[in-house]
């Protein structure tokens, strides 16, 4: 997992379902040849993950939360308490954001809302 605040926030939003951005992986350093690292688009060697991620969302949330806490500890040691506090706050909010995204996605169907008329495909 990356350790910078912006990337961790982006991966957290993807993990919880708040963001429809795609997930990317990149090869790990040479000392870890059989591993892949999560990253954002545009990272060197990044490849988009395709397929159904729902089965892995809870694991992704837990791993992202742990990475945020590790990064917060490192920022705290480096003397940047403000960033460390933001990362801890984001880490604590991830499970609730995941539950909220689940509830949001279980909205009423468009056909129910529109009375059967065709719409742009939004759920309400």
PDB file of N, CA and C in Angstrom:
ATOM      1  N   UNK A   1       0.838  -1.191   0.000  1.00  0.00           N
ATOM      2  CA  UNK A   1       0.000   0.000   0.000  1.00  0.00           C
ATOM      3  C   UNK A   1       0.879   1.249   0.000  1.00  0.00           C
ATOM      4  N   UNK A   2       0.410   2.269  -0.644  1.00  0.00           N
ATOM      5  CA  UNK A   2       1.158   3.535  -0.606  1.00  0.00           C
ATOM      6  C   UNK A   2       1.067   4.157   0.785  1.00  0.00           C
ATOM      7  N   UNK A   3       1.844   5.200   1.010  1.00  0.00           N
ATOM      8  CA  UNK A   3       1.811   5.826   2.330  1.00  0.00           C
ATOM      9  C   UNK A   3       1.492   7.313   2.280  1.00  0.00           C
ATOM     10  N   UNK A   4       1.224   7.859   1.093  1.00  0.00           N
ATOM     11  CA  UNK A   4       0.903   9.291   1.056  1.00  0.00           C
ATOM     12  C   UNK A   4      -0.609   9.483   1.249  1.00  0.00           C
ATOM     13  N   UNK A   5      -0.952  10.594   1.850  1.00  0.00           N
ATOM     14  CA  UNK A   5      -2.330  10.873   2.261  1.00  0.00           C
ATOM     15  C   UNK A   5      -3.315  10.865   1.090  1.00  0.00           C
ATOM     16  N   UNK A   6      -2.971  11.511   0.007  1.00  0.00           N
ATOM     17  CA  UNK A   6      -3.884  11.642  -1.130  1.00  0.00           C
ATOM     18  C   UNK A   6      -4.199  10.278  -1.746  1.00  0.00           C
ATOM     19  N   UNK A   7      -3.183   9.451  -1.953  1.00  0.00           N
ATOM     20  CA  UNK A   7      -3.386   8.136  -2.549  1.00  0.00           C
ATOM     21  C   UNK A   7      -4.190   7.239  -1.621  1.00  0.00           C
ATOM     22  N   UNK A   8      -3.886   7.273  -0.321  1.00  0.00           N
ATOM     23  CA  UNK A   8      -4.642   6.468   0.631  1.00  0.00           C
ATOM     24  C   UNK A   8      -6.109   6.890   0.681  1.00  0.00           C
ATOM     25  N   UNK A   9      -6.363   8.175   0.600  1.00  0.00           N
ATOM     26  CA  UNK A   9      -7.748   8.658   0.582  1.00  0.00           C
ATOM     27  C   UNK A   9      -8.477   8.166  -0.668  1.00  0.00           C
ATOM     28  N   UNK A  10      -7.798   8.200  -1.811  1.00  0.00           N
ATOM     29  CA  UNK A  10      -8.406   7.734  -3.065  1.00  0.00           C
ATOM     30  C   UNK A  10      -8.709   6.239  -3.003  1.00  0.00           C
ATOM     31  N   UNK A  11      -7.778   5.450  -2.503  1.00  0.00           N
ATOM     32  CA  UNK A  11      -7.993   4.004  -2.399  1.00  0.00           C
ATOM     33  C   UNK A  11      -9.087   3.707  -1.371  1.00  0.00           C
ATOM     34  N   UNK A  12      -9.131   4.495  -0.293  1.00  0.00           N
ATOM     35  CA  UNK A  12     -10.196   4.326   0.693  1.00  0.00           C
ATOM     36  C   UNK A  12     -11.569   4.577   0.094  1.00  0.00           C
ATOM     37  N   UNK A  13     -11.688   5.591  -0.741  1.00  0.00           N
ATOM     38  CA  UNK A  13     -12.969   5.897  -1.390  1.00  0.00           C
ATOM     39  C   UNK A  13     -13.376   4.786  -2.358  1.00  0.00           C
ATOM     40  N   UNK A  14     -12.412   4.211  -3.034  1.00  0.00           N
ATOM     41  CA  UNK A  14     -12.700   3.091  -3.930  1.00  0.00           C
ATOM     42  C   UNK A  14     -13.128   1.877  -3.115  1.00  0.00           C
ATOM     43  N   UNK A  15     -12.413   1.616  -2.018  1.00  0.00           N
ATOM     44  CA  UNK A  15     -12.707   0.451  -1.180  1.00  0.00           C
ATOM     45  C   UNK A  15     -14.104   0.501  -0.584  1.00  0.00           C
ATOM     46  N   UNK A  16     -14.536   1.674  -0.165  1.00  0.00           N
ATOM     47  CA  UNK A  16     -15.845   1.786   0.468  1.00  0.00           C
ATOM     48  C   UNK A  16     -16.975   1.884  -0.538  1.00  0.00           C
ATOM     49  N   UNK A  17     -16.662   2.124  -1.791  1.00  0.00           N
ATOM     50  CA  UNK A  17     -17.696   2.256  -2.802  1.00  0.00           C
ATOM     51  C   UNK A  17     -18.144   3.693  -3.000  1.00  0.00           C
ATOM     52  N   UNK A  18     -17.492   4.647  -2.338  1.00  0.00           N
ATOM     53  CA  UNK A  18     -17.840   6.061  -2.499  1.00  0.00           C
ATOM     54  C   UNK A  18     -17.356   6.617  -3.824  1.00  0.00           C
ATOM     55  N   UNK A  19     -16.359   5.979  -4.408  1.00  0.00           N
ATOM     56  CA  UNK A  19     -15.793   6.442  -5.664  1.00  0.00           C
ATOM     57  C   UNK A  19     -15.921   5.342  -6.704  1.00  0.00           C
ATOM     58  N   UNK A  20     -16.243   5.728  -7.921  1.00  0.00           N
ATOM     59  CA  UNK A  20     -16.320   4.744  -8.998  1.00  0.00           C
ATOM     60  C   UNK A  20     -15.010   4.682  -9.777  1.00  0.00           C
ATOM     61  N   UNK A  21     -13.969   5.308  -9.247  1.00  0.00           N
ATOM     62  CA  UNK A  21     -12.658   5.269  -9.894  1.00  0.00           C
ATOM     63  C   UNK A  21     -12.158   3.823  -9.942  1.00  0.00           C
ATOM     64  N   UNK A  22     -11.321   3.550 -10.872  1.00  0.00           N
ATOM     65  CA  UNK A  22     -10.776   2.202 -11.038  1.00  0.00           C
ATOM     66  C   UNK A  22      -9.597   1.978 -10.099  1.00  0.00           C
ATOM     67  N   UNK A  23      -9.387   0.726  -9.769  1.00  0.00           N
ATOM     68  CA  UNK A  23      -8.289   0.335  -8.900  1.00  0.00           C
ATOM     69  C   UNK A  23      -7.122  -0.115  -9.780  1.00  0.00           C
ATOM     70  N   UNK A  24      -5.911   0.247  -9.392  1.00  0.00           N
ATOM     71  CA  UNK A  24      -4.716  -0.100 -10.156  1.00  0.00           C
ATOM     72  C   UNK A  24      -3.702  -0.786  -9.255  1.00  0.00           C
ATOM     73  N   UNK A  25      -2.904  -1.653  -9.850  1.00  0.00           N
ATOM     74  CA  UNK A  25      -1.796  -2.286  -9.146  1.00  0.00           C
ATOM     75  C   UNK A  25      -0.520  -2.066  -9.950  1.00  0.00           C
ATOM     76  N   UNK A  26       0.593  -2.087  -9.236  1.00  0.00           N
ATOM     77  CA  UNK A  26       1.901  -1.945  -9.878  1.00  0.00           C
ATOM     78  C   UNK A  26       2.837  -2.983  -9.262  1.00  0.00           C
ATOM     79  N   UNK A  27       3.842  -3.389 -10.003  1.00  0.00           N
ATOM     80  CA  UNK A  27       4.793  -4.367  -9.459  1.00  0.00           C
ATOM     81  C   UNK A  27       5.490  -3.828  -8.212  1.00  0.00           C
ATOM     82  N   UNK A  28       5.746  -4.719  -7.278  1.00  0.00           N
ATOM     83  CA  UNK A  28       6.451  -4.360  -6.048  1.00  0.00           C
ATOM     84  C   UNK A  28       7.947  -4.208  -6.341  1.00  0.00           C
ATOM     85  N   UNK A  29       8.685  -3.671  -5.391  1.00  0.00           N
ATOM     86  CA  UNK A  29      10.139  -3.564  -5.575  1.00  0.00           C
ATOM     87  C   UNK A  29      10.773  -4.942  -5.797  1.00  0.00           C
ATOM     88  N   UNK A  30      11.970  -4.971  -6.342  1.00  0.00           N
ATOM     89  CA  UNK A  30      12.636  -6.247  -6.656  1.00  0.00           C
ATOM     90  C   UNK A  30      12.813  -7.181  -5.458  1.00  0.00           C
ATOM     91  N   UNK A  31      12.872  -6.633  -4.246  1.00  0.00           N
ATOM     92  CA  UNK A  31      13.043  -7.504  -3.083  1.00  0.00           C
ATOM     93  C   UNK A  31      11.748  -8.222  -2.686  1.00  0.00           C
ATOM     94  N   UNK A  32      10.623  -7.892  -3.343  1.00  0.00           N
ATOM     95  CA  UNK A  32       9.337  -8.560  -3.109  1.00  0.00           C
ATOM     96  C   UNK A  32       8.759  -8.974  -4.462  1.00  0.00           C
ATOM     97  N   UNK A  33       9.379  -9.927  -5.153  1.00  0.00           N
ATOM     98  CA  UNK A  33       9.025 -10.209  -6.549  1.00  0.00           C
ATOM     99  C   UNK A  33       7.612 -10.746  -6.780  1.00  0.00           C
ATOM    100  N   UNK A  34       6.986 -11.373  -5.813  1.00  0.00           N
ATOM    101  CA  UNK A  34       5.671 -11.973  -6.042  1.00  0.00           C
ATOM    102  C   UNK A  34       4.535 -11.125  -5.480  1.00  0.00           C
ATOM    103  N   UNK A  35       4.763  -9.845  -5.311  1.00  0.00           N
ATOM    104  CA  UNK A  35       3.750  -8.971  -4.728  1.00  0.00           C
ATOM    105  C   UNK A  35       3.369  -7.861  -5.703  1.00  0.00           C
ATOM    106  N   UNK A  36       2.150  -7.351  -5.516  1.00  0.00           N
ATOM    107  CA  UNK A  36       1.686  -6.189  -6.255  1.00  0.00           C
ATOM    108  C   UNK A  36       1.286  -5.127  -5.239  1.00  0.00           C
ATOM    109  N   UNK A  37       1.429  -3.883  -5.595  1.00  0.00           N
ATOM    110  CA  UNK A  37       1.056  -2.787  -4.715  1.00  0.00           C
ATOM    111  C   UNK A  37      -0.129  -2.032  -5.319  1.00  0.00           C
ATOM    112  N   UNK A  38      -1.078  -1.668  -4.474  1.00  0.00           N
ATOM    113  CA  UNK A  38      -2.187  -0.843  -4.939  1.00  0.00           C
ATOM    114  C   UNK A  38      -1.669   0.556  -5.214  1.00  0.00           C
ATOM    115  N   UNK A  39      -2.203   1.184  -6.237  1.00  0.00           N
ATOM    116  CA  UNK A  39      -1.771   2.531  -6.582  1.00  0.00           C
ATOM    117  C   UNK A  39      -2.884   3.234  -7.347  1.00  0.00           C
ATOM    118  N   UNK A  40      -2.656   4.460  -7.713  1.00  0.00           N
ATOM    119  CA  UNK A  40      -3.618   5.213  -8.513  1.00  0.00           C
ATOM    120  C   UNK A  40      -3.151   5.233  -9.960  1.00  0.00           C
ATOM    121  N   UNK A  41      -4.069   5.592 -10.851  1.00  0.00           N
ATOM    122  CA  UNK A  41      -3.736   5.643 -12.271  1.00  0.00           C
ATOM    123  C   UNK A  41      -2.595   6.620 -12.503  1.00  0.00           C
ATOM    124  N   UNK A  42      -1.705   6.238 -13.369  1.00  0.00           N
ATOM    125  CA  UNK A  42      -0.584   7.095 -13.711  1.00  0.00           C
ATOM    126  C   UNK A  42       0.705   6.738 -12.989  1.00  0.00           C
ATOM    127  N   UNK A  43       0.622   5.842 -11.999  1.00  0.00           N
ATOM    128  CA  UNK A  43       1.839   5.408 -11.306  1.00  0.00           C
ATOM    129  C   UNK A  43       2.670   4.562 -12.269  1.00  0.00           C
ATOM    130  N   UNK A  44       3.987   4.574 -12.125  1.00  0.00           N
ATOM    131  CA  UNK A  44       4.833   3.791 -13.032  1.00  0.00           C
ATOM    132  C   UNK A  44       4.482   2.304 -12.996  1.00  0.00           C
ATOM    133  N   UNK A  45       4.193   1.724 -14.143  1.00  0.00           N
ATOM    134  CA  UNK A  45       3.880   0.307 -14.248  1.00  0.00           C
ATOM    135  C   UNK A  45       2.471  -0.062 -13.813  1.00  0.00           C
ATOM    136  N   UNK A  46       1.607   0.916 -13.585  1.00  0.00           N
ATOM    137  CA  UNK A  46       0.258   0.645 -13.087  1.00  0.00           C
ATOM    138  C   UNK A  46      -0.601  -0.052 -14.135  1.00  0.00           C
ATOM    139  N   UNK A  47      -1.349  -1.055 -13.676  1.00  0.00           N
ATOM    140  CA  UNK A  47      -2.261  -1.805 -14.527  1.00  0.00           C
ATOM    141  C   UNK A  47      -3.624  -1.802 -13.847  1.00  0.00           C
ATOM    142  N   UNK A  48      -4.682  -1.552 -14.608  1.00  0.00           N
ATOM    143  CA  UNK A  48      -6.027  -1.484 -14.036  1.00  0.00           C
ATOM    144  C   UNK A  48      -6.525  -2.871 -13.645  1.00  0.00           C
ATOM    145  N   UNK A  49      -7.127  -2.964 -12.472  1.00  0.00           N
ATOM    146  CA  UNK A  49      -7.734  -4.198 -12.001  1.00  0.00           C
ATOM    147  C   UNK A  49      -9.128  -4.276 -12.612  1.00  0.00           C
ATOM    148  N   UNK A  50      -9.424  -5.395 -13.249  1.00  0.00           N
ATOM    149  CA  UNK A  50     -10.752  -5.566 -13.838  1.00  0.00           C
ATOM    150  C   UNK A  50     -11.461  -6.712 -13.134  1.00  0.00           C
ATOM    151  N   UNK A  51     -12.755  -6.748 -13.286  1.00  0.00           N
ATOM    152  CA  UNK A  51     -13.533  -7.821 -12.681  1.00  0.00           C
ATOM    153  C   UNK A  51     -14.372  -7.305 -11.529  1.00  0.00           C
ATOM    154  N   UNK A  52     -15.039  -8.218 -10.884  1.00  0.00           N
ATOM    155  CA  UNK A  52     -15.974  -7.914  -9.820  1.00  0.00           C
ATOM    156  C   UNK A  52     -15.223  -7.806  -8.493  1.00  0.00           C
ATOM    157  N   UNK A  53     -15.186  -6.624  -7.895  1.00  0.00           N
ATOM    158  CA  UNK A  53     -14.424  -6.400  -6.662  1.00  0.00           C
ATOM    159  C   UNK A  53     -15.250  -6.528  -5.397  1.00  0.00           C
ATOM    160  N   UNK A  54     -16.555  -6.666  -5.508  1.00  0.00           N
ATOM    161  CA  UNK A  54     -17.421  -6.649  -4.326  1.00  0.00           C
ATOM    162  C   UNK A  54     -16.999  -7.692  -3.292  1.00  0.00           C
ATOM    163  N   UNK A  55     -16.588  -8.858  -3.733  1.00  0.00           N
ATOM    164  CA  UNK A  55     -16.190  -9.923  -2.809  1.00  0.00           C
ATOM    165  C   UNK A  55     -14.949  -9.537  -2.001  1.00  0.00           C
ATOM    166  N   UNK A  56     -14.168  -8.595  -2.495  1.00  0.00           N
ATOM    167  CA  UNK A  56     -12.923  -8.213  -1.837  1.00  0.00           C
ATOM    168  C   UNK A  56     -13.007  -6.861  -1.136  1.00  0.00           C
ATOM    169  N   UNK A  57     -14.154  -6.224  -1.172  1.00  0.00           N
ATOM    170  CA  UNK A  57     -14.269  -4.871  -0.610  1.00  0.00           C
ATOM    171  C   UNK A  57     -13.963  -4.819   0.879  1.00  0.00           C
ATOM    172  N   UNK A  58     -14.482  -5.766   1.658  1.00  0.00           N
ATOM    173  CA  UNK A  58     -14.220  -5.732   3.098  1.00  0.00           C
ATOM    174  C   UNK A  58     -12.728  -5.895   3.396  1.00  0.00           C
ATOM    175  N   UNK A  59     -12.081  -6.803   2.690  1.00  0.00           N
ATOM    176  CA  UNK A  59     -10.638  -6.977   2.850  1.00  0.00           C
ATOM    177  C   UNK A  59      -9.906  -5.709   2.440  1.00  0.00           C
ATOM    178  N   UNK A  60     -10.326  -5.106   1.341  1.00  0.00           N
ATOM    179  CA  UNK A  60      -9.693  -3.875   0.869  1.00  0.00           C
ATOM    180  C   UNK A  60      -9.877  -2.742   1.874  1.00  0.00           C
ATOM    181  N   UNK A  61     -11.053  -2.654   2.483  1.00  0.00           N
ATOM    182  CA  UNK A  61     -11.291  -1.634   3.511  1.00  0.00           C
ATOM    183  C   UNK A  61     -10.359  -1.866   4.702  1.00  0.00           C
ATOM    184  N   UNK A  62     -10.262  -3.108   5.162  1.00  0.00           N
ATOM    185  CA  UNK A  62      -9.389  -3.401   6.318  1.00  0.00           C
ATOM    186  C   UNK A  62      -7.923  -3.113   6.006  1.00  0.00           C
ATOM    187  N   UNK A  63      -7.473  -3.517   4.814  1.00  0.00           N
ATOM    188  CA  UNK A  63      -6.078  -3.292   4.441  1.00  0.00           C
ATOM    189  C   UNK A  63      -5.784  -1.795   4.285  1.00  0.00           C
ATOM    190  N   UNK A  64      -6.724  -1.058   3.723  1.00  0.00           N
ATOM    191  CA  UNK A  64      -6.549   0.389   3.557  1.00  0.00           C
ATOM    192  C   UNK A  64      -6.526   1.065   4.914  1.00  0.00           C
ATOM    193  N   UNK A  65      -7.409   0.622   5.811  1.00  0.00           N
ATOM    194  CA  UNK A  65      -7.452   1.182   7.163  1.00  0.00           C
ATOM    195  C   UNK A  65      -6.122   0.939   7.887  1.00  0.00           C
ATOM    196  N   UNK A  66      -5.586  -0.262   7.767  1.00  0.00           N
ATOM    197  CA  UNK A  66      -4.296  -0.575   8.400  1.00  0.00           C
ATOM    198  C   UNK A  66      -3.175   0.270   7.786  1.00  0.00           C
ATOM    199  N   UNK A  67      -3.194   0.443   6.458  1.00  0.00           N
ATOM    200  CA  UNK A  67      -2.166   1.263   5.801  1.00  0.00           C
ATOM    201  C   UNK A  67      -2.262   2.710   6.252  1.00  0.00           C
ATOM    202  N   UNK A  68      -3.485   3.220   6.431  1.00  0.00           N
ATOM    203  CA  UNK A  68      -3.659   4.595   6.900  1.00  0.00           C
ATOM    204  C   UNK A  68      -3.095   4.755   8.314  1.00  0.00           C
ATOM    205  N   UNK A  69      -3.329   3.769   9.149  1.00  0.00           N
ATOM    206  CA  UNK A  69      -2.806   3.843  10.530  1.00  0.00           C
ATOM    207  C   UNK A  69      -1.281   3.758  10.549  1.00  0.00           C
ATOM    208  N   UNK A  70      -0.717   2.885   9.702  1.00  0.00           N
ATOM    209  CA  UNK A  70       0.755   2.798   9.630  1.00  0.00           C
ATOM    210  C   UNK A  70       1.342   4.119   9.139  1.00  0.00           C
ATOM    211  N   UNK A  71       0.726   4.689   8.112  1.00  0.00           N
ATOM    212  CA  UNK A  71       1.211   5.967   7.581  1.00  0.00           C
ATOM    213  C   UNK A  71       1.083   7.068   8.627  1.00  0.00           C
ATOM    214  N   UNK A  72      -0.011   7.057   9.394  1.00  0.00           N
ATOM    215  CA  UNK A  72      -0.198   8.058  10.449  1.00  0.00           C
ATOM    216  C   UNK A  72       0.918   7.963  11.483  1.00  0.00           C
ATOM    217  N   UNK A  73       1.299   6.750  11.830  1.00  0.00           N
ATOM    218  CA  UNK A  73       2.396   6.555  12.782  1.00  0.00           C
ATOM    219  C   UNK A  73       3.700   7.121  12.222  1.00  0.00           C
ATOM    220  N   UNK A  74       3.948   6.880  10.944  1.00  0.00           N
ATOM    221  CA  UNK A  74       5.167   7.398  10.321  1.00  0.00           C
ATOM    222  C   UNK A  74       5.163   8.930  10.264  1.00  0.00           C
ATOM    223  N   UNK A  75       4.023   9.514   9.915  1.00  0.00           N
ATOM    224  CA  UNK A  75       3.942  10.977   9.887  1.00  0.00           C
ATOM    225  C   UNK A  75       4.110  11.554  11.293  1.00  0.00           C
ATOM    226  N   UNK A  76       3.566  10.867  12.284  1.00  0.00           N
ATOM    227  CA  UNK A  76       3.709  11.324  13.670  1.00  0.00           C
ATOM    228  C   UNK A  76       5.175  11.304  14.085  1.00  0.00           C
ATOM    229  N   UNK A  77       5.883  10.226  13.739  1.00  0.00           N
ATOM    230  CA  UNK A  77       7.311  10.123  14.057  1.00  0.00           C
ATOM    231  C   UNK A  77       8.119  11.211  13.347  1.00  0.00           C
ATOM    232  N   UNK A  78       7.678  11.577  12.135  1.00  0.00           N
ATOM    233  CA  UNK A  78       8.378  12.604  11.364  1.00  0.00           C
ATOM    234  C   UNK A  78       8.023  14.013  11.833  1.00  0.00           C
ATOM    235  N   UNK A  79       7.094  14.118  12.778  1.00  0.00           N
ATOM    236  CA  UNK A  79       6.744  15.417  13.337  1.00  0.00           C
ATOM    237  C   UNK A  79       5.586  16.124  12.656  1.00  0.00           C
ATOM    238  N   UNK A  80       4.879  15.443  11.786  1.00  0.00           N
ATOM    239  CA  UNK A  80       3.740  16.052  11.093  1.00  0.00           C
ATOM    240  C   UNK A  80       2.442  15.543  11.720  1.00  0.00           C
ATOM    241  N   UNK A  81       2.108  16.092  12.868  1.00  0.00           N
ATOM    242  CA  UNK A  81       0.940  15.641  13.635  1.00  0.00           C
ATOM    243  C   UNK A  81      -0.372  15.945  12.916  1.00  0.00           C
ATOM    244  N   UNK A  82      -0.408  17.007  12.121  1.00  0.00           N
ATOM    245  CA  UNK A  82      -1.640  17.377  11.424  1.00  0.00           C
ATOM    246  C   UNK A  82      -2.045  16.305  10.409  1.00  0.00           C
ATOM    247  N   UNK A  83      -1.103  15.880   9.584  1.00  0.00           N
ATOM    248  CA  UNK A  83      -1.381  14.841   8.593  1.00  0.00           C
ATOM    249  C   UNK A  83      -1.679  13.525   9.300  1.00  0.00           C
ATOM    250  N   UNK A  84      -0.940  13.221  10.354  1.00  0.00           N
ATOM    251  CA  UNK A  84      -1.171  11.996  11.114  1.00  0.00           C
ATOM    252  C   UNK A  84      -2.592  11.969  11.675  1.00  0.00           C
ATOM    253  N   UNK A  85      -3.055  13.073  12.179  1.00  0.00           N
ATOM    254  CA  UNK A  85      -4.413  13.154  12.715  1.00  0.00           C
ATOM    255  C   UNK A  85      -5.464  12.956  11.635  1.00  0.00           C
ATOM    256  N   UNK A  86      -5.237  13.553  10.456  1.00  0.00           N
ATOM    257  CA  UNK A  86      -6.184  13.382   9.353  1.00  0.00           C
ATOM    258  C   UNK A  86      -6.243  11.927   8.903  1.00  0.00           C
ATOM    259  N   UNK A  87      -5.082  11.285   8.828  1.00  0.00           N
ATOM    260  CA  UNK A  87      -5.050   9.881   8.417  1.00  0.00           C
ATOM    261  C   UNK A  87      -5.751   8.991   9.436  1.00  0.00           C
ATOM    262  N   UNK A  88      -5.541   9.239  10.722  1.00  0.00           N
ATOM    263  CA  UNK A  88      -6.229   8.448  11.746  1.00  0.00           C
ATOM    264  C   UNK A  88      -7.736   8.650  11.667  1.00  0.00           C
ATOM    265  N   UNK A  89      -8.141   9.879  11.428  1.00  0.00           N
ATOM    266  CA  UNK A  89      -9.559  10.181  11.301  1.00  0.00           C
ATOM    267  C   UNK A  89     -10.170   9.459  10.097  1.00  0.00           C
ATOM    268  N   UNK A  90      -9.472   9.486   8.958  1.00  0.00           N
ATOM    269  CA  UNK A  90      -9.956   8.788   7.768  1.00  0.00           C
ATOM    270  C   UNK A  90     -10.029   7.279   8.006  1.00  0.00           C
ATOM    271  N   UNK A  91      -9.013   6.740   8.688  1.00  0.00           N
ATOM    272  CA  UNK A  91      -8.991   5.302   8.965  1.00  0.00           C
ATOM    273  C   UNK A  91     -10.179   4.899   9.832  1.00  0.00           C
ATOM    274  N   UNK A  92     -10.485   5.709  10.813  1.00  0.00           N
ATOM    275  CA  UNK A  92     -11.617   5.405  11.686  1.00  0.00           C
ATOM    276  C   UNK A  92     -12.961   5.508  10.987  1.00  0.00           C
ATOM    277  N   UNK A  93     -13.038   6.339   9.970  1.00  0.00           N
ATOM    278  CA  UNK A  93     -14.299   6.557   9.261  1.00  0.00           C
ATOM    279  C   UNK A  93     -14.558   5.543   8.145  1.00  0.00           C
ATOM    280  N   UNK A  94     -13.564   4.764   7.761  1.00  0.00           N
ATOM    281  CA  UNK A  94     -13.742   3.844   6.636  1.00  0.00           C
ATOM    282  C   UNK A  94     -14.868   2.825   6.832  1.00  0.00           C
ATOM    283  N   UNK A  95     -14.956   2.123   7.969  1.00  0.00           N
ATOM    284  CA  UNK A  95     -16.045   1.145   8.104  1.00  0.00           C
ATOM    285  C   UNK A  95     -17.435   1.784   8.012  1.00  0.00           C
ATOM    286  N   UNK A  96     -17.608   2.944   8.607  1.00  0.00           N
ATOM    287  CA  UNK A  96     -18.899   3.628   8.533  1.00  0.00           C
ATOM    288  C   UNK A  96     -19.194   4.065   7.096  1.00  0.00           C
ATOM    289  N   UNK A  97     -18.186   4.503   6.381  1.00  0.00           N
ATOM    290  CA  UNK A  97     -18.369   4.910   4.984  1.00  0.00           C
ATOM    291  C   UNK A  97     -18.755   3.704   4.130  1.00  0.00           C
ATOM    292  N   UNK A  98     -18.188   2.563   4.435  1.00  0.00           N
ATOM    293  CA  UNK A  98     -18.529   1.323   3.707  1.00  0.00           C
ATOM    294  C   UNK A  98     -19.995   0.973   3.932  1.00  0.00           C
ATOM    295  N   UNK A  99     -20.446   1.035   5.181  1.00  0.00           N
ATOM    296  CA  UNK A  99     -21.850   0.735   5.488  1.00  0.00           C
ATOM    297  C   UNK A  99     -22.782   1.747   4.821  1.00  0.00           C
ATOM    298  N   UNK A 100     -22.405   3.009   4.836  1.00  0.00           N
ATOM    299  CA  UNK A 100     -23.232   4.047   4.215  1.00  0.00           C
ATOM    300  C   UNK A 100     -23.325   3.835   2.706  1.00  0.00           C
ATOM    301  N   UNK A 101     -22.230   3.450   2.075  1.00  0.00           N
ATOM    302  CA  UNK A 101     -22.240   3.203   0.637  1.00  0.00           C
ATOM    303  C   UNK A 101     -23.125   2.001   0.310  1.00  0.00           C
ATOM    304  N   UNK A 102     -23.120   0.989   1.186  1.00  0.00           N
ATOM    305  CA  UNK A 102     -23.991  -0.169   0.979  1.00  0.00           C
ATOM    306  C   UNK A 102     -25.457   0.240   1.028  1.00  0.00           C
ATOM    307  N   UNK A 103     -25.809   1.053   2.007  1.00  0.00           N
ATOM    308  CA  UNK A 103     -27.202   1.498   2.142  1.00  0.00           C
ATOM    309  C   UNK A 103     -27.617   2.357   0.959  1.00  0.00           C
ATOM    310  N   UNK A 104     -26.705   3.210   0.509  1.00  0.00           N
ATOM    311  CA  UNK A 104     -26.992   4.114  -0.601  1.00  0.00           C
ATOM    312  C   UNK A 104     -27.246   3.336  -1.890  1.00  0.00           C
ATOM    313  N   UNK A 105     -26.531   2.245  -2.092  1.00  0.00           N
ATOM    314  CA  UNK A 105     -26.662   1.484  -3.328  1.00  0.00           C
ATOM    315  C   UNK A 105     -27.937   0.646  -3.362  1.00  0.00           C
ATOM    316  N   UNK A 106     -28.612   0.532  -2.243  1.00  0.00           N
ATOM    317  CA  UNK A 106     -29.841  -0.267  -2.196  1.00  0.00           C
ATOM    318  C   UNK A 106     -31.072   0.629  -2.320  1.00  0.00           C
ATOM    319  N   UNK A 107     -31.005   1.567  -3.232  1.00  0.00           N
ATOM    320  CA  UNK A 107     -32.117   2.497  -3.445  1.00  0.00           C
ATOM    321  C   UNK A 107     -33.241   1.865  -4.235  1.00  0.00           C
ATOM    322  N   UNK A 108     -34.287   2.628  -4.456  1.00  0.00           N
ATOM    323  CA  UNK A 108     -35.412   2.139  -5.244  1.00  0.00           C
ATOM    324  C   UNK A 108     -35.033   2.135  -6.719  1.00  0.00           C
ATOM    325  N   UNK A 109     -35.634   1.250  -7.468  1.00  0.00           N
ATOM    326  CA  UNK A 109     -35.291   1.159  -8.883  1.00  0.00           C
ATOM    327  C   UNK A 109     -35.839   2.360  -9.647  1.00  0.00           C
ATOM    328  N   UNK A 110     -35.249   2.640 -10.773  1.00  0.00           N
ATOM    329  CA  UNK A 110     -35.671   3.747 -11.621  1.00  0.00           C
ATOM    330  C   UNK A 110     -37.096   3.522 -12.109  1.00  0.00           C
ATOM    331  N   UNK A 111     -37.433   2.291 -12.436  1.00  0.00           N
ATOM    332  CA  UNK A 111     -38.781   1.991 -12.933  1.00  0.00           C
ATOM    333  C   UNK A 111     -39.837   2.314 -11.881  1.00  0.00           C
ATOM    334  N   UNK A 112     -39.534   2.060 -10.616  1.00  0.00           N
ATOM    335  CA  UNK A 112     -40.474   2.391  -9.548  1.00  0.00           C
ATOM    336  C   UNK A 112     -40.637   3.897  -9.433  1.00  0.00           C
ATOM    337  N   UNK A 113     -39.548   4.618  -9.451  1.00  0.00           N
ATOM    338  CA  UNK A 113     -39.570   6.069  -9.294  1.00  0.00           C
ATOM    339  C   UNK A 113     -40.228   6.747 -10.483  1.00  0.00           C
ATOM    340  N   UNK A 114     -39.939   6.261 -11.701  1.00  0.00           N
ATOM    341  CA  UNK A 114     -40.420   6.931 -12.900  1.00  0.00           C
ATOM    342  C   UNK A 114     -41.786   6.433 -13.362  1.00  0.00           C
ATOM    343  N   UNK A 115     -42.367   5.511 -12.651  1.00  0.00           N
ATOM    344  CA  UNK A 115     -43.659   4.966 -13.063  1.00  0.00           C
ATOM    345  C   UNK A 115     -43.552   4.137 -14.326  1.00  0.00           C
ATOM    346  N   UNK A 116     -42.395   3.547 -14.568  1.00  0.00           N
ATOM    347  CA  UNK A 116     -42.202   2.688 -15.723  1.00  0.00           C
ATOM    348  C   UNK A 116     -41.693   3.399 -16.959  1.00  0.00           C
ATOM    349  N   UNK A 117     -41.569   4.718 -16.896  1.00  0.00           N
ATOM    350  CA  UNK A 117     -41.071   5.451 -18.052  1.00  0.00           C
ATOM    351  C   UNK A 117     -39.546   5.359 -18.125  1.00  0.00           C
ATOM    352  N   UNK A 118     -38.967   5.343 -19.318  1.00  0.00           N
ATOM    353  CA  UNK A 118     -37.508   5.273 -19.427  1.00  0.00           C
ATOM    354  C   UNK A 118     -36.851   6.533 -18.860  1.00  0.00           C
ATOM    355  N   UNK A 119     -35.733   6.352 -18.176  1.00  0.00           N
ATOM    356  CA  UNK A 119     -34.972   7.463 -17.607  1.00  0.00           C
ATOM    357  C   UNK A 119     -33.512   7.283 -17.962  1.00  0.00           C
ATOM    358  N   UNK A 120     -32.660   8.074 -17.343  1.00  0.00           N
ATOM    359  CA  UNK A 120     -31.223   7.995 -17.637  1.00  0.00           C
ATOM    360  C   UNK A 120     -30.521   6.891 -16.863  1.00  0.00           C
ATOM    361  N   UNK A 121     -31.244   6.074 -16.124  1.00  0.00           N
ATOM    362  CA  UNK A 121     -30.629   4.945 -15.448  1.00  0.00           C
ATOM    363  C   UNK A 121     -30.141   5.227 -14.039  1.00  0.00           C
ATOM    364  N   UNK A 122     -30.595   6.302 -13.435  1.00  0.00           N
ATOM    365  CA  UNK A 122     -30.183   6.617 -12.069  1.00  0.00           C
ATOM    366  C   UNK A 122     -31.061   5.883 -11.071  1.00  0.00           C
ATOM    367  N   UNK A 123     -30.464   5.469  -9.946  1.00  0.00           N
ATOM    368  CA  UNK A 123     -31.241   4.868  -8.858  1.00  0.00           C
ATOM    369  C   UNK A 123     -31.541   5.969  -7.849  1.00  0.00           C
ATOM    370  N   UNK A 124     -32.694   5.903  -7.249  1.00  0.00           N
ATOM    371  CA  UNK A 124     -33.096   6.914  -6.268  1.00  0.00           C
ATOM    372  C   UNK A 124     -33.332   6.286  -4.926  1.00  0.00           C
TER     373      UNK A 124
END
